[in-house]
Amino acid sequence: MGATSQFVSNMNEFIIIPLIGLLISLATLIFVWGLVEFIHGSGSNPAARETGKKHMMWGIIGLFIMVFAKAIISLFINSFGIDTAPIDNALL
């Protein structure tokens, strides 16, 4: 494996994949927070319901963006034949 392939593989394994995992967790947390706001404000506070809906929408958008980012990174890595064994194991 060349130096460039090793560098890209290490960068993905130690920086990009953990960062994507963190951002997926953050998007999930935002979605759950919006769900709690939506349920908690369901009876008496319509403004809280709207805020909850917006948080849920942005959480879902964030999740889709991270899934697509992972797909684009995988496509890039597979196109150039970079070893993905550490990356695939990190996502299990």
C-alpha atoms as a PDB file:
ATOM      1  CA  MET A   1       0.000   0.000   0.000  1.00  0.00           C
ATOM      2  CA  GLY A   2       1.391   3.375  -0.973  1.00  0.00           C
ATOM      3  CA  ALA A   3       1.968   6.275   1.370  1.00  0.00           C
ATOM      4  CA  THR A   4      -1.019   8.176   0.003  1.00  0.00           C
ATOM      5  CA  SER A   5      -3.346   5.199   0.423  1.00  0.00           C
ATOM      6  CA  GLN A   6      -2.083   4.660   3.960  1.00  0.00           C
ATOM      7  CA  PHE A   7      -2.583   8.347   4.763  1.00  0.00           C
ATOM      8  CA  VAL A   8      -6.163   8.339   3.420  1.00  0.00           C
ATOM      9  CA  SER A   9      -6.942   5.101   5.224  1.00  0.00           C
ATOM     10  CA  ASN A  10      -5.568   6.436   8.521  1.00  0.00           C
ATOM     11  CA  MET A  11      -7.353   9.765   8.105  1.00  0.00           C
ATOM     12  CA  ASN A  12     -10.635   7.950   7.544  1.00  0.00           C
ATOM     13  CA  GLU A  13     -10.091   5.525  10.394  1.00  0.00           C
ATOM     14  CA  PHE A  14      -9.010   8.060  13.025  1.00  0.00           C
ATOM     15  CA  ILE A  15     -10.678  11.337  11.987  1.00  0.00           C
ATOM     16  CA  ILE A  16     -13.524  11.130   9.486  1.00  0.00           C
ATOM     17  CA  ILE A  17     -15.340   7.984  10.665  1.00  0.00           C
ATOM     18  CA  PRO A  18     -15.361   9.035  14.367  1.00  0.00           C
ATOM     19  CA  LEU A  19     -16.482  12.523  13.327  1.00  0.00           C
ATOM     20  CA  ILE A  20     -19.348  11.100  11.274  1.00  0.00           C
ATOM     21  CA  GLY A  21     -20.324   8.923  14.242  1.00  0.00           C
ATOM     22  CA  LEU A  22     -20.322  11.971  16.519  1.00  0.00           C
ATOM     23  CA  LEU A  23     -22.434  13.973  14.083  1.00  0.00           C
ATOM     24  CA  ILE A  24     -24.897  11.085  13.690  1.00  0.00           C
ATOM     25  CA  SER A  25     -25.214  10.972  17.479  1.00  0.00           C
ATOM     26  CA  LEU A  26     -25.753  14.729  17.586  1.00  0.00           C
ATOM     27  CA  ALA A  27     -28.440  14.575  14.866  1.00  0.00           C
ATOM     28  CA  THR A  28     -30.170  11.750  16.726  1.00  0.00           C
ATOM     29  CA  LEU A  29     -30.061  13.753  19.949  1.00  0.00           C
ATOM     30  CA  ILE A  30     -31.579  16.774  18.191  1.00  0.00           C
ATOM     31  CA  PHE A  31     -34.338  14.579  16.762  1.00  0.00           C
ATOM     32  CA  VAL A  32     -35.121  13.060  20.173  1.00  0.00           C
ATOM     33  CA  TRP A  33     -35.068  16.507  21.799  1.00  0.00           C
ATOM     34  CA  GLY A  34     -37.558  17.710  19.169  1.00  0.00           C
ATOM     35  CA  LEU A  35     -39.741  14.683  19.831  1.00  0.00           C
ATOM     36  CA  VAL A  36     -39.743  15.442  23.553  1.00  0.00           C
ATOM     37  CA  GLU A  37     -40.627  19.083  22.854  1.00  0.00           C
ATOM     38  CA  PHE A  38     -43.394  18.014  20.490  1.00  0.00           C
ATOM     39  CA  ILE A  39     -44.929  15.567  22.972  1.00  0.00           C
ATOM     40  CA  HIS A  40     -44.478  17.830  25.986  1.00  0.00           C
ATOM     41  CA  GLY A  41     -46.071  20.805  24.230  1.00  0.00           C
ATOM     42  CA  SER A  42     -48.833  18.807  22.579  1.00  0.00           C
ATOM     43  CA  GLY A  43     -51.641  20.012  24.798  1.00  0.00           C
ATOM     44  CA  SER A  44     -51.076  23.515  25.995  1.00  0.00           C
ATOM     45  CA  ASN A  45     -48.257  25.109  24.022  1.00  0.00           C
ATOM     46  CA  PRO A  46     -48.540  25.184  20.225  1.00  0.00           C
ATOM     47  CA  ALA A  47     -45.268  27.136  19.932  1.00  0.00           C
ATOM     48  CA  ALA A  48     -43.425  24.262  21.628  1.00  0.00           C
ATOM     49  CA  ARG A  49     -45.002  21.854  19.134  1.00  0.00           C
ATOM     50  CA  GLU A  50     -43.721  23.920  16.219  1.00  0.00           C
ATOM     51  CA  THR A  51     -40.252  24.119  17.755  1.00  0.00           C
ATOM     52  CA  GLY A  52     -40.328  20.370  18.283  1.00  0.00           C
ATOM     53  CA  LYS A  53     -41.323  19.791  14.663  1.00  0.00           C
ATOM     54  CA  LYS A  54     -38.453  21.972  13.464  1.00  0.00           C
ATOM     55  CA  HIS A  55     -35.944  20.148  15.659  1.00  0.00           C
ATOM     56  CA  MET A  56     -37.192  16.773  14.441  1.00  0.00           C
ATOM     57  CA  MET A  57     -36.969  17.928  10.824  1.00  0.00           C
ATOM     58  CA  TRP A  58     -33.399  19.214  11.248  1.00  0.00           C
ATOM     59  CA  GLY A  59     -32.418  16.025  13.075  1.00  0.00           C
ATOM     60  CA  ILE A  60     -33.678  13.904  10.179  1.00  0.00           C
ATOM     61  CA  ILE A  61     -31.938  16.163   7.656  1.00  0.00           C
ATOM     62  CA  GLY A  62     -28.700  15.827   9.639  1.00  0.00           C
ATOM     63  CA  LEU A  63     -29.021  12.042   9.699  1.00  0.00           C
ATOM     64  CA  PHE A  64     -29.541  11.900   5.931  1.00  0.00           C
ATOM     65  CA  ILE A  65     -26.560  14.172   5.324  1.00  0.00           C
ATOM     66  CA  MET A  66     -24.300  11.956   7.443  1.00  0.00           C
ATOM     67  CA  VAL A  67     -25.509   8.780   5.720  1.00  0.00           C
ATOM     68  CA  PHE A  68     -24.864  10.346   2.321  1.00  0.00           C
ATOM     69  CA  ALA A  69     -21.457  11.596   3.480  1.00  0.00           C
ATOM     70  CA  LYS A  70     -20.546   8.041   4.492  1.00  0.00           C
ATOM     71  CA  ALA A  71     -21.753   6.768   1.113  1.00  0.00           C
ATOM     72  CA  ILE A  72     -19.717   9.367  -0.779  1.00  0.00           C
ATOM     73  CA  ILE A  73     -16.602   8.571   1.250  1.00  0.00           C
ATOM     74  CA  SER A  74     -17.074   4.840   0.611  1.00  0.00           C
ATOM     75  CA  LEU A  75     -17.538   5.480  -3.098  1.00  0.00           C
ATOM     76  CA  PHE A  76     -14.362   7.571  -3.198  1.00  0.00           C
ATOM     77  CA  ILE A  77     -12.336   4.982  -1.294  1.00  0.00           C
ATOM     78  CA  ASN A  78     -13.606   2.063  -3.361  1.00  0.00           C
ATOM     79  CA  SER A  79     -12.977   3.962  -6.609  1.00  0.00           C
ATOM     80  CA  PHE A  80      -9.301   4.331  -5.792  1.00  0.00           C
ATOM     81  CA  GLY A  81      -8.857   0.849  -4.326  1.00  0.00           C
ATOM     82  CA  ILE A  82      -7.859   1.971  -0.843  1.00  0.00           C
ATOM     83  CA  ASP A  83      -7.863  -0.711   1.870  1.00  0.00           C
ATOM     84  CA  THR A  84     -11.156  -0.344   3.758  1.00  0.00           C
ATOM     85  CA  ALA A  85     -10.842  -3.141   6.311  1.00  0.00           C
ATOM     86  CA  PRO A  86     -10.215  -0.780   9.278  1.00  0.00           C
ATOM     87  CA  ILE A  87     -13.022   1.508   8.136  1.00  0.00           C
ATOM     88  CA  ASP A  88     -15.569  -1.279   7.700  1.00  0.00           C
ATOM     89  CA  ASN A  89     -14.725  -2.673  11.134  1.00  0.00           C
ATOM     90  CA  ALA A  90     -15.077   0.773  12.733  1.00  0.00           C
ATOM     91  CA  LEU A  91     -18.675   1.087  11.519  1.00  0.00           C
ATOM     92  CA  LEU A  92     -19.933  -2.195  12.949  1.00  0.00           C
END
